[in-house]
Amino acid sequence: MKLMTKEIEKKLKAQYPLGNDLNAQKVVAKFFDPCSQWTWYAMNQDPEDPDYLWGIVKGFDVEIGSFSLSELQSVRNRFGLGIEQDLYFRPRPAIEVWEALNAGVHV
C-alpha cells in the first residue's frame, strides 16, 4: 500500500513551519503496523527533506518526535506485511490525539 498521497504531502508540508506545537496543528495521517500496537500519527513533513516526518508515535510508550517515511515504507513485519495508512482516519487537532493516547484511548 502506498503510504503517502499528494494531498497528505501538501497538508504535512504546509504545517512544517509550526514545528512541534501540538496546539497549532493537526494530525494529518495515521500509519500503523497491522500486526502490532505501533502507530505513527504524522503532523508535518520537511519540504526540503520529504523523508523527514514529525508526529506522535505510539509504540511501547507515546512519544513525539521525528520518523522516516522511507523506513516506514521498507518495514515488513513477521508476516511479511508492511506499514499501512489508515484510510478512515480524518485529520484532527494534534493536542486531542496526544491527550487521548496518553489517557489510553485508541485514536
PDB file of N, CA and C in Angstrom:
ATOM      1  N   MET A   1       0.846  -1.186   0.000  1.00  0.00           N
ATOM      2  CA  MET A   1       0.000   0.000   0.000  1.00  0.00           C
ATOM      3  C   MET A   1       0.882   1.236   0.000  1.00  0.00           C
ATOM      4  N   LYS A   2       0.498   2.220  -0.779  1.00  0.00           N
ATOM      5  CA  LYS A   2       1.204   3.492  -0.815  1.00  0.00           C
ATOM      6  C   LYS A   2       0.811   4.293   0.428  1.00  0.00           C
ATOM      7  N   LEU A   3       1.815   4.707   1.187  1.00  0.00           N
ATOM      8  CA  LEU A   3       1.535   5.427   2.423  1.00  0.00           C
ATOM      9  C   LEU A   3       1.182   6.889   2.190  1.00  0.00           C
ATOM     10  N   MET A   4       1.811   7.501   1.222  1.00  0.00           N
ATOM     11  CA  MET A   4       1.685   8.948   1.048  1.00  0.00           C
ATOM     12  C   MET A   4       0.942   9.276  -0.244  1.00  0.00           C
ATOM     13  N   THR A   5       0.030  10.222  -0.134  1.00  0.00           N
ATOM     14  CA  THR A   5      -0.650  10.751  -1.314  1.00  0.00           C
ATOM     15  C   THR A   5      -0.218  12.209  -1.488  1.00  0.00           C
ATOM     16  N   LYS A   6      -0.474  12.766  -2.635  1.00  0.00           N
ATOM     17  CA  LYS A   6      -0.140  14.182  -2.877  1.00  0.00           C
ATOM     18  C   LYS A   6      -0.903  15.091  -1.908  1.00  0.00           C
ATOM     19  N   GLU A   7      -2.151  14.743  -1.635  1.00  0.00           N
ATOM     20  CA  GLU A   7      -2.965  15.548  -0.717  1.00  0.00           C
ATOM     21  C   GLU A   7      -2.385  15.537   0.699  1.00  0.00           C
ATOM     22  N   ILE A   8      -1.988  14.355   1.169  1.00  0.00           N
ATOM     23  CA  ILE A   8      -1.388  14.260   2.509  1.00  0.00           C
ATOM     24  C   ILE A   8      -0.081  15.036   2.549  1.00  0.00           C
ATOM     25  N   GLU A   9       0.767  14.850   1.535  1.00  0.00           N
ATOM     26  CA  GLU A   9       2.043  15.575   1.491  1.00  0.00           C
ATOM     27  C   GLU A   9       1.832  17.092   1.530  1.00  0.00           C
ATOM     28  N   LYS A  10       0.871  17.569   0.785  1.00  0.00           N
ATOM     29  CA  LYS A  10       0.594  19.010   0.741  1.00  0.00           C
ATOM     30  C   LYS A  10       0.220  19.525   2.133  1.00  0.00           C
ATOM     31  N   LYS A  11      -0.647  18.797   2.825  1.00  0.00           N
ATOM     32  CA  LYS A  11      -1.078  19.207   4.166  1.00  0.00           C
ATOM     33  C   LYS A  11       0.072  19.140   5.171  1.00  0.00           C
ATOM     34  N   LEU A  12       0.882  18.070   5.091  1.00  0.00           N
ATOM     35  CA  LEU A  12       2.009  17.922   6.011  1.00  0.00           C
ATOM     36  C   LEU A  12       3.036  19.030   5.814  1.00  0.00           C
ATOM     37  N   LYS A  13       3.365  19.319   4.569  1.00  0.00           N
ATOM     38  CA  LYS A  13       4.362  20.356   4.283  1.00  0.00           C
ATOM     39  C   LYS A  13       3.864  21.741   4.690  1.00  0.00           C
ATOM     40  N   ALA A  14       2.576  21.981   4.564  1.00  0.00           N
ATOM     41  CA  ALA A  14       2.014  23.276   4.966  1.00  0.00           C
ATOM     42  C   ALA A  14       2.155  23.508   6.469  1.00  0.00           C
ATOM     43  N   GLN A  15       2.175  22.448   7.250  1.00  0.00           N
ATOM     44  CA  GLN A  15       2.287  22.581   8.704  1.00  0.00           C
ATOM     45  C   GLN A  15       3.734  22.565   9.194  1.00  0.00           C
ATOM     46  N   TYR A  16       4.695  22.337   8.313  1.00  0.00           N
ATOM     47  CA  TYR A  16       6.095  22.241   8.732  1.00  0.00           C
ATOM     48  C   TYR A  16       6.569  23.465   9.526  1.00  0.00           C
ATOM     49  N   PRO A  17       6.213  24.680   9.120  1.00  0.00           N
ATOM     50  CA  PRO A  17       6.670  25.851   9.883  1.00  0.00           C
ATOM     51  C   PRO A  17       6.160  25.879  11.334  1.00  0.00           C
ATOM     52  N   LEU A  18       5.161  25.090  11.645  1.00  0.00           N
ATOM     53  CA  LEU A  18       4.606  25.076  13.007  1.00  0.00           C
ATOM     54  C   LEU A  18       5.440  24.241  13.970  1.00  0.00           C
ATOM     55  N   GLY A  19       6.436  23.523  13.446  1.00  0.00           N
ATOM     56  CA  GLY A  19       7.351  22.760  14.300  1.00  0.00           C
ATOM     57  C   GLY A  19       6.651  21.695  15.117  1.00  0.00           C
ATOM     58  N   ASN A  20       6.874  21.745  16.424  1.00  0.00           N
ATOM     59  CA  ASN A  20       6.307  20.723  17.309  1.00  0.00           C
ATOM     60  C   ASN A  20       5.147  21.245  18.156  1.00  0.00           C
ATOM     61  N   ASP A  21       4.534  22.322  17.749  1.00  0.00           N
ATOM     62  CA  ASP A  21       3.431  22.924  18.502  1.00  0.00           C
ATOM     63  C   ASP A  21       2.148  22.102  18.319  1.00  0.00           C
ATOM     64  N   LEU A  22       1.805  21.322  19.316  1.00  0.00           N
ATOM     65  CA  LEU A  22       0.622  20.468  19.256  1.00  0.00           C
ATOM     66  C   LEU A  22      -0.671  21.264  19.200  1.00  0.00           C
ATOM     67  N   ASN A  23      -0.664  22.458  19.754  1.00  0.00           N
ATOM     68  CA  ASN A  23      -1.874  23.271  19.776  1.00  0.00           C
ATOM     69  C   ASN A  23      -2.160  23.946  18.442  1.00  0.00           C
ATOM     70  N   ALA A  24      -1.152  24.056  17.583  1.00  0.00           N
ATOM     71  CA  ALA A  24      -1.305  24.816  16.346  1.00  0.00           C
ATOM     72  C   ALA A  24      -1.551  23.953  15.110  1.00  0.00           C
ATOM     73  N   GLN A  25      -1.406  22.663  15.232  1.00  0.00           N
ATOM     74  CA  GLN A  25      -1.531  21.844  14.027  1.00  0.00           C
ATOM     75  C   GLN A  25      -2.391  20.610  14.243  1.00  0.00           C
ATOM     76  N   LYS A  26      -2.664  19.952  13.146  1.00  0.00           N
ATOM     77  CA  LYS A  26      -3.479  18.743  13.172  1.00  0.00           C
ATOM     78  C   LYS A  26      -2.625  17.529  12.847  1.00  0.00           C
ATOM     79  N   VAL A  27      -3.078  16.388  13.304  1.00  0.00           N
ATOM     80  CA  VAL A  27      -2.532  15.130  12.807  1.00  0.00           C
ATOM     81  C   VAL A  27      -3.207  14.923  11.461  1.00  0.00           C
ATOM     82  N   VAL A  28      -2.415  14.775  10.427  1.00  0.00           N
ATOM     83  CA  VAL A  28      -2.917  14.703   9.058  1.00  0.00           C
ATOM     84  C   VAL A  28      -3.148  13.268   8.609  1.00  0.00           C
ATOM     85  N   ALA A  29      -2.258  12.355   9.035  1.00  0.00           N
ATOM     86  CA  ALA A  29      -2.345  10.966   8.584  1.00  0.00           C
ATOM     87  C   ALA A  29      -1.943  10.018   9.702  1.00  0.00           C
ATOM     88  N   LYS A  30      -2.491   8.824   9.633  1.00  0.00           N
ATOM     89  CA  LYS A  30      -2.193   7.783  10.611  1.00  0.00           C
ATOM     90  C   LYS A  30      -1.679   6.564   9.858  1.00  0.00           C
ATOM     91  N   PHE A  31      -0.505   6.064  10.298  1.00  0.00           N
ATOM     92  CA  PHE A  31       0.090   4.860   9.728  1.00  0.00           C
ATOM     93  C   PHE A  31       0.207   3.829  10.837  1.00  0.00           C
ATOM     94  N   PHE A  32       0.032   2.555  10.500  1.00  0.00           N
ATOM     95  CA  PHE A  32       0.062   1.536  11.542  1.00  0.00           C
ATOM     96  C   PHE A  32       0.605   0.210  11.025  1.00  0.00           C
ATOM     97  N   ASP A  33       1.142  -0.572  11.953  1.00  0.00           N
ATOM     98  CA  ASP A  33       1.563  -1.939  11.664  1.00  0.00           C
ATOM     99  C   ASP A  33       0.353  -2.815  11.978  1.00  0.00           C
ATOM    100  N   PRO A  34      -0.189  -3.523  10.998  1.00  0.00           N
ATOM    101  CA  PRO A  34      -1.402  -4.304  11.232  1.00  0.00           C
ATOM    102  C   PRO A  34      -1.223  -5.485  12.190  1.00  0.00           C
ATOM    103  N   CYS A  35       0.013  -5.775  12.561  1.00  0.00           N
ATOM    104  CA  CYS A  35       0.261  -6.917  13.450  1.00  0.00           C
ATOM    105  C   CYS A  35       0.891  -6.514  14.779  1.00  0.00           C
ATOM    106  N   SER A  36       0.842  -5.239  15.115  1.00  0.00           N
ATOM    107  CA  SER A  36       1.385  -4.802  16.397  1.00  0.00           C
ATOM    108  C   SER A  36       0.650  -3.550  16.856  1.00  0.00           C
ATOM    109  N   GLN A  37       1.077  -3.018  17.981  1.00  0.00           N
ATOM    110  CA  GLN A  37       0.466  -1.807  18.524  1.00  0.00           C
ATOM    111  C   GLN A  37       1.103  -0.535  17.979  1.00  0.00           C
ATOM    112  N   TRP A  38       2.147  -0.641  17.181  1.00  0.00           N
ATOM    113  CA  TRP A  38       2.869   0.536  16.697  1.00  0.00           C
ATOM    114  C   TRP A  38       2.025   1.348  15.722  1.00  0.00           C
ATOM    115  N   THR A  39       1.947   2.658  16.006  1.00  0.00           N
ATOM    116  CA  THR A  39       1.166   3.575  15.184  1.00  0.00           C
ATOM    117  C   THR A  39       1.907   4.906  15.112  1.00  0.00           C
ATOM    118  N   TRP A  40       1.907   5.515  13.921  1.00  0.00           N
ATOM    119  CA  TRP A  40       2.560   6.788  13.676  1.00  0.00           C
ATOM    120  C   TRP A  40       1.504   7.789  13.218  1.00  0.00           C
ATOM    121  N   TYR A  41       1.442   8.933  13.892  1.00  0.00           N
ATOM    122  CA  TYR A  41       0.493   9.996  13.578  1.00  0.00           C
ATOM    123  C   TYR A  41       1.284  11.179  13.022  1.00  0.00           C
ATOM    124  N   ALA A  42       1.222  11.412  11.724  1.00  0.00           N
ATOM    125  CA  ALA A  42       2.042  12.430  11.072  1.00  0.00           C
ATOM    126  C   ALA A  42       1.407  13.809  11.176  1.00  0.00           C
ATOM    127  N   MET A  43       2.226  14.774  11.637  1.00  0.00           N
ATOM    128  CA  MET A  43       1.771  16.161  11.756  1.00  0.00           C
ATOM    129  C   MET A  43       2.394  17.058  10.700  1.00  0.00           C
ATOM    130  N   ASN A  44       3.681  16.861  10.384  1.00  0.00           N
ATOM    131  CA  ASN A  44       4.298  17.687   9.357  1.00  0.00           C
ATOM    132  C   ASN A  44       5.449  16.966   8.673  1.00  0.00           C
ATOM    133  N   GLN A  45       5.873  17.553   7.552  1.00  0.00           N
ATOM    134  CA  GLN A  45       6.919  16.975   6.706  1.00  0.00           C
ATOM    135  C   GLN A  45       7.813  18.106   6.210  1.00  0.00           C
ATOM    136  N   ASP A  46       9.103  17.878   6.248  1.00  0.00           N
ATOM    137  CA  ASP A  46      10.072  18.874   5.796  1.00  0.00           C
ATOM    138  C   ASP A  46      10.016  18.997   4.270  1.00  0.00           C
ATOM    139  N   PRO A  47       9.670  20.176   3.744  1.00  0.00           N
ATOM    140  CA  PRO A  47       9.621  20.352   2.287  1.00  0.00           C
ATOM    141  C   PRO A  47      10.979  20.139   1.611  1.00  0.00           C
ATOM    142  N   GLU A  48      12.062  20.386   2.342  1.00  0.00           N
ATOM    143  CA  GLU A  48      13.412  20.205   1.794  1.00  0.00           C
ATOM    144  C   GLU A  48      13.894  18.768   1.899  1.00  0.00           C
ATOM    145  N   ASP A  49      13.327  18.003   2.803  1.00  0.00           N
ATOM    146  CA  ASP A  49      13.701  16.597   3.017  1.00  0.00           C
ATOM    147  C   ASP A  49      12.424  15.804   3.262  1.00  0.00           C
ATOM    148  N   PRO A  50      11.726  15.384   2.197  1.00  0.00           N
ATOM    149  CA  PRO A  50      10.423  14.726   2.338  1.00  0.00           C
ATOM    150  C   PRO A  50      10.447  13.409   3.118  1.00  0.00           C
ATOM    151  N   ASP A  51      11.650  12.885   3.385  1.00  0.00           N
ATOM    152  CA  ASP A  51      11.751  11.664   4.173  1.00  0.00           C
ATOM    153  C   ASP A  51      11.527  11.950   5.667  1.00  0.00           C
ATOM    154  N   TYR A  52      11.674  13.205   6.060  1.00  0.00           N
ATOM    155  CA  TYR A  52      11.567  13.613   7.460  1.00  0.00           C
ATOM    156  C   TYR A  52      10.122  13.944   7.808  1.00  0.00           C
ATOM    157  N   LEU A  53       9.551  13.143   8.687  1.00  0.00           N
ATOM    158  CA  LEU A  53       8.200  13.391   9.199  1.00  0.00           C
ATOM    159  C   LEU A  53       8.281  13.668  10.695  1.00  0.00           C
ATOM    160  N   TRP A  54       7.370  14.474  11.182  1.00  0.00           N
ATOM    161  CA  TRP A  54       7.285  14.797  12.602  1.00  0.00           C
ATOM    162  C   TRP A  54       5.887  14.436  13.069  1.00  0.00           C
ATOM    163  N   GLY A  55       5.796  13.806  14.232  1.00  0.00           N
ATOM    164  CA  GLY A  55       4.476  13.482  14.737  1.00  0.00           C
ATOM    165  C   GLY A  55       4.512  12.747  16.050  1.00  0.00           C
ATOM    166  N   ILE A  56       3.434  12.074  16.320  1.00  0.00           N
ATOM    167  CA  ILE A  56       3.256  11.302  17.546  1.00  0.00           C
ATOM    168  C   ILE A  56       3.429   9.831  17.190  1.00  0.00           C
ATOM    169  N   VAL A  57       4.173   9.126  18.019  1.00  0.00           N
ATOM    170  CA  VAL A  57       4.395   7.696  17.799  1.00  0.00           C
ATOM    171  C   VAL A  57       3.905   6.943  19.024  1.00  0.00           C
ATOM    172  N   LYS A  58       3.059   5.962  18.773  1.00  0.00           N
ATOM    173  CA  LYS A  58       2.587   5.090  19.855  1.00  0.00           C
ATOM    174  C   LYS A  58       3.174   3.713  19.615  1.00  0.00           C
ATOM    175  N   GLY A  59       4.118   3.364  20.476  1.00  0.00           N
ATOM    176  CA  GLY A  59       4.738   2.045  20.433  1.00  0.00           C
ATOM    177  C   GLY A  59       4.652   1.463  21.826  1.00  0.00           C
ATOM    178  N   PHE A  60       5.811   1.317  22.454  1.00  0.00           N
ATOM    179  CA  PHE A  60       5.818   0.881  23.855  1.00  0.00           C
ATOM    180  C   PHE A  60       5.327   2.009  24.757  1.00  0.00           C
ATOM    181  N   ASP A  61       5.575   3.237  24.330  1.00  0.00           N
ATOM    182  CA  ASP A  61       5.126   4.454  25.013  1.00  0.00           C
ATOM    183  C   ASP A  61       4.545   5.392  23.969  1.00  0.00           C
ATOM    184  N   VAL A  62       3.997   6.508  24.408  1.00  0.00           N
ATOM    185  CA  VAL A  62       3.529   7.551  23.499  1.00  0.00           C
ATOM    186  C   VAL A  62       4.587   8.652  23.507  1.00  0.00           C
ATOM    187  N   GLU A  63       5.116   8.963  22.318  1.00  0.00           N
ATOM    188  CA  GLU A  63       6.189   9.939  22.205  1.00  0.00           C
ATOM    189  C   GLU A  63       5.920  10.888  21.048  1.00  0.00           C
ATOM    190  N   ILE A  64       6.604  12.026  21.081  1.00  0.00           N
ATOM    191  CA  ILE A  64       6.570  12.979  19.980  1.00  0.00           C
ATOM    192  C   ILE A  64       7.979  13.047  19.422  1.00  0.00           C
ATOM    193  N   GLY A  65       8.079  12.998  18.102  1.00  0.00           N
ATOM    194  CA  GLY A  65       9.402  13.075  17.503  1.00  0.00           C
ATOM    195  C   GLY A  65       9.366  12.871  16.010  1.00  0.00           C
ATOM    196  N   SER A  66      10.551  12.705  15.450  1.00  0.00           N
ATOM    197  CA  SER A  66      10.667  12.532  14.005  1.00  0.00           C
ATOM    198  C   SER A  66      10.715  11.054  13.658  1.00  0.00           C
ATOM    199  N   PHE A  67      10.285  10.752  12.443  1.00  0.00           N
ATOM    200  CA  PHE A  67      10.402   9.399  11.912  1.00  0.00           C
ATOM    201  C   PHE A  67      10.569   9.477  10.409  1.00  0.00           C
ATOM    202  N   SER A  68      11.078   8.406   9.839  1.00  0.00           N
ATOM    203  CA  SER A  68      11.461   8.380   8.440  1.00  0.00           C
ATOM    204  C   SER A  68      10.394   7.721   7.571  1.00  0.00           C
ATOM    205  N   LEU A  69       9.957   8.432   6.546  1.00  0.00           N
ATOM    206  CA  LEU A  69       8.989   7.881   5.608  1.00  0.00           C
ATOM    207  C   LEU A  69       9.562   6.654   4.901  1.00  0.00           C
ATOM    208  N   SER A  70      10.809   6.727   4.463  1.00  0.00           N
ATOM    209  CA  SER A  70      11.402   5.582   3.751  1.00  0.00           C
ATOM    210  C   SER A  70      11.521   4.361   4.663  1.00  0.00           C
ATOM    211  N   GLU A  71      11.773   4.597   5.937  1.00  0.00           N
ATOM    212  CA  GLU A  71      11.847   3.473   6.874  1.00  0.00           C
ATOM    213  C   GLU A  71      10.462   2.843   7.052  1.00  0.00           C
ATOM    214  N   LEU A  72       9.437   3.667   7.183  1.00  0.00           N
ATOM    215  CA  LEU A  72       8.080   3.127   7.290  1.00  0.00           C
ATOM    216  C   LEU A  72       7.729   2.310   6.044  1.00  0.00           C
ATOM    217  N   GLN A  73       8.137   2.800   4.879  1.00  0.00           N
ATOM    218  CA  GLN A  73       7.827   2.116   3.629  1.00  0.00           C
ATOM    219  C   GLN A  73       8.584   0.800   3.473  1.00  0.00           C
ATOM    220  N   SER A  74       9.721   0.679   4.144  1.00  0.00           N
ATOM    221  CA  SER A  74      10.543  -0.528   3.989  1.00  0.00           C
ATOM    222  C   SER A  74      10.244  -1.619   5.020  1.00  0.00           C
ATOM    223  N   VAL A  75       9.526  -1.293   6.070  1.00  0.00           N
ATOM    224  CA  VAL A  75       9.261  -2.255   7.148  1.00  0.00           C
ATOM    225  C   VAL A  75       8.393  -3.411   6.657  1.00  0.00           C
ATOM    226  N   ARG A  76       8.776  -4.606   7.071  1.00  0.00           N
ATOM    227  CA  ARG A  76       7.960  -5.811   6.863  1.00  0.00           C
ATOM    228  C   ARG A  76       7.912  -6.530   8.204  1.00  0.00           C
ATOM    229  N   ASN A  77       6.707  -6.809   8.674  1.00  0.00           N
ATOM    230  CA  ASN A  77       6.585  -7.498   9.959  1.00  0.00           C
ATOM    231  C   ASN A  77       6.795  -9.000   9.775  1.00  0.00           C
ATOM    232  N   ARG A  78       6.610  -9.749  10.822  1.00  0.00           N
ATOM    233  CA  ARG A  78       6.904 -11.194  10.778  1.00  0.00           C
ATOM    234  C   ARG A  78       6.031 -11.954   9.785  1.00  0.00           C
ATOM    235  N   PHE A  79       4.951 -11.355   9.338  1.00  0.00           N
ATOM    236  CA  PHE A  79       4.077 -11.996   8.349  1.00  0.00           C
ATOM    237  C   PHE A  79       4.322 -11.459   6.940  1.00  0.00           C
ATOM    238  N   GLY A  80       5.326 -10.581   6.812  1.00  0.00           N
ATOM    239  CA  GLY A  80       5.649 -10.010   5.515  1.00  0.00           C
ATOM    240  C   GLY A  80       4.786  -8.825   5.127  1.00  0.00           C
ATOM    241  N   LEU A  81       3.962  -8.364   6.063  1.00  0.00           N
ATOM    242  CA  LEU A  81       3.091  -7.218   5.788  1.00  0.00           C
ATOM    243  C   LEU A  81       3.818  -5.923   6.103  1.00  0.00           C
ATOM    244  N   GLY A  82       3.515  -4.877   5.359  1.00  0.00           N
ATOM    245  CA  GLY A  82       4.118  -3.572   5.592  1.00  0.00           C
ATOM    246  C   GLY A  82       3.236  -2.664   6.421  1.00  0.00           C
ATOM    247  N   ILE A  83       3.775  -1.511   6.698  1.00  0.00           N
ATOM    248  CA  ILE A  83       3.020  -0.470   7.401  1.00  0.00           C
ATOM    249  C   ILE A  83       1.910   0.004   6.467  1.00  0.00           C
ATOM    250  N   GLU A  84       0.757   0.305   7.035  1.00  0.00           N
ATOM    251  CA  GLU A  84      -0.388   0.730   6.232  1.00  0.00           C
ATOM    252  C   GLU A  84      -0.880   2.104   6.675  1.00  0.00           C
ATOM    253  N   GLN A  85      -1.564   2.752   5.764  1.00  0.00           N
ATOM    254  CA  GLN A  85      -2.205   4.029   6.058  1.00  0.00           C
ATOM    255  C   GLN A  85      -3.642   3.733   6.471  1.00  0.00           C
ATOM    256  N   ASP A  86      -4.094   4.365   7.549  1.00  0.00           N
ATOM    257  CA  ASP A  86      -5.489   4.228   7.971  1.00  0.00           C
ATOM    258  C   ASP A  86      -6.339   5.096   7.042  1.00  0.00           C
ATOM    259  N   LEU A  87      -7.040   4.458   6.137  1.00  0.00           N
ATOM    260  CA  LEU A  87      -7.827   5.176   5.136  1.00  0.00           C
ATOM    261  C   LEU A  87      -9.053   5.865   5.726  1.00  0.00           C
ATOM    262  N   TYR A  88      -9.440   5.483   6.940  1.00  0.00           N
ATOM    263  CA  TYR A  88     -10.623   6.061   7.568  1.00  0.00           C
ATOM    264  C   TYR A  88     -10.289   7.169   8.560  1.00  0.00           C
ATOM    265  N   PHE A  89      -9.002   7.400   8.788  1.00  0.00           N
ATOM    266  CA  PHE A  89      -8.574   8.447   9.713  1.00  0.00           C
ATOM    267  C   PHE A  89      -8.845   9.815   9.100  1.00  0.00           C
ATOM    268  N   ARG A  90      -9.405  10.710   9.877  1.00  0.00           N
ATOM    269  CA  ARG A  90      -9.662  12.080   9.453  1.00  0.00           C
ATOM    270  C   ARG A  90      -8.805  13.020  10.302  1.00  0.00           C
ATOM    271  N   PRO A  91      -8.205  14.037   9.683  1.00  0.00           N
ATOM    272  CA  PRO A  91      -7.364  14.963  10.452  1.00  0.00           C
ATOM    273  C   PRO A  91      -8.098  15.507  11.671  1.00  0.00           C
ATOM    274  N   ARG A  92      -7.340  15.610  12.743  1.00  0.00           N
ATOM    275  CA  ARG A  92      -7.883  16.150  13.990  1.00  0.00           C
ATOM    276  C   ARG A  92      -6.776  16.873  14.733  1.00  0.00           C
ATOM    277  N   PRO A  93      -7.132  17.754  15.646  1.00  0.00           N
ATOM    278  CA  PRO A  93      -6.120  18.517  16.371  1.00  0.00           C
ATOM    279  C   PRO A  93      -5.100  17.591  17.049  1.00  0.00           C
ATOM    280  N   ALA A  94      -3.844  17.924  16.884  1.00  0.00           N
ATOM    281  CA  ALA A  94      -2.769  17.095  17.432  1.00  0.00           C
ATOM    282  C   ALA A  94      -2.865  16.982  18.954  1.00  0.00           C
ATOM    283  N   ILE A  95      -3.243  18.060  19.619  1.00  0.00           N
ATOM    284  CA  ILE A  95      -3.343  18.021  21.081  1.00  0.00           C
ATOM    285  C   ILE A  95      -4.396  17.008  21.529  1.00  0.00           C
ATOM    286  N   GLU A  96      -5.481  16.883  20.766  1.00  0.00           N
ATOM    287  CA  GLU A  96      -6.514  15.899  21.109  1.00  0.00           C
ATOM    288  C   GLU A  96      -5.988  14.472  20.969  1.00  0.00           C
ATOM    289  N   VAL A  97      -5.234  14.215  19.912  1.00  0.00           N
ATOM    290  CA  VAL A  97      -4.656  12.884  19.701  1.00  0.00           C
ATOM    291  C   VAL A  97      -3.681  12.572  20.828  1.00  0.00           C
ATOM    292  N   TRP A  98      -2.806  13.522  21.138  1.00  0.00           N
ATOM    293  CA  TRP A  98      -1.819  13.352  22.196  1.00  0.00           C
ATOM    294  C   TRP A  98      -2.496  13.042  23.541  1.00  0.00           C
ATOM    295  N   GLU A  99      -3.494  13.830  23.906  1.00  0.00           N
ATOM    296  CA  GLU A  99      -4.173  13.625  25.182  1.00  0.00           C
ATOM    297  C   GLU A  99      -4.925  12.302  25.218  1.00  0.00           C
ATOM    298  N   ALA A 100      -5.591  11.938  24.128  1.00  0.00           N
ATOM    299  CA  ALA A 100      -6.319  10.669  24.092  1.00  0.00           C
ATOM    300  C   ALA A 100      -5.369   9.477  24.235  1.00  0.00           C
ATOM    301  N   LEU A 101      -4.276   9.496  23.499  1.00  0.00           N
ATOM    302  CA  LEU A 101      -3.321   8.388  23.578  1.00  0.00           C
ATOM    303  C   LEU A 101      -2.721   8.268  24.966  1.00  0.00           C
ATOM    304  N   ASN A 102      -2.420   9.407  25.596  1.00  0.00           N
ATOM    305  CA  ASN A 102      -1.872   9.368  26.954  1.00  0.00           C
ATOM    306  C   ASN A 102      -2.894   8.947  27.992  1.00  0.00           C
ATOM    307  N   ALA A 103      -4.160   9.049  27.664  1.00  0.00           N
ATOM    308  CA  ALA A 103      -5.225   8.578  28.567  1.00  0.00           C
ATOM    309  C   ALA A 103      -5.586   7.119  28.287  1.00  0.00           C
ATOM    310  N   GLY A 104      -4.886   6.527  27.309  1.00  0.00           N
ATOM    311  CA  GLY A 104      -5.137   5.127  26.994  1.00  0.00           C
ATOM    312  C   GLY A 104      -6.287   4.890  26.015  1.00  0.00           C
ATOM    313  N   VAL A 105      -6.741   5.959  25.355  1.00  0.00           N
ATOM    314  CA  VAL A 105      -7.842   5.856  24.413  1.00  0.00           C
ATOM    315  C   VAL A 105      -7.283   5.616  23.017  1.00  0.00           C
ATOM    316  N   HIS A 106      -7.817   4.636  22.318  1.00  0.00           N
ATOM    317  CA  HIS A 106      -7.383   4.342  20.952  1.00  0.00           C
ATOM    318  C   HIS A 106      -7.904   5.413  19.993  1.00  0.00           C
ATOM    319  N   VAL A 107      -7.015   5.952  19.184  1.00  0.00           N
ATOM    320  CA  VAL A 107      -7.399   7.004  18.231  1.00  0.00           C
ATOM    321  C   VAL A 107      -7.202   6.475  16.836  1.00  0.00           C
TER     322      VAL A 107
END
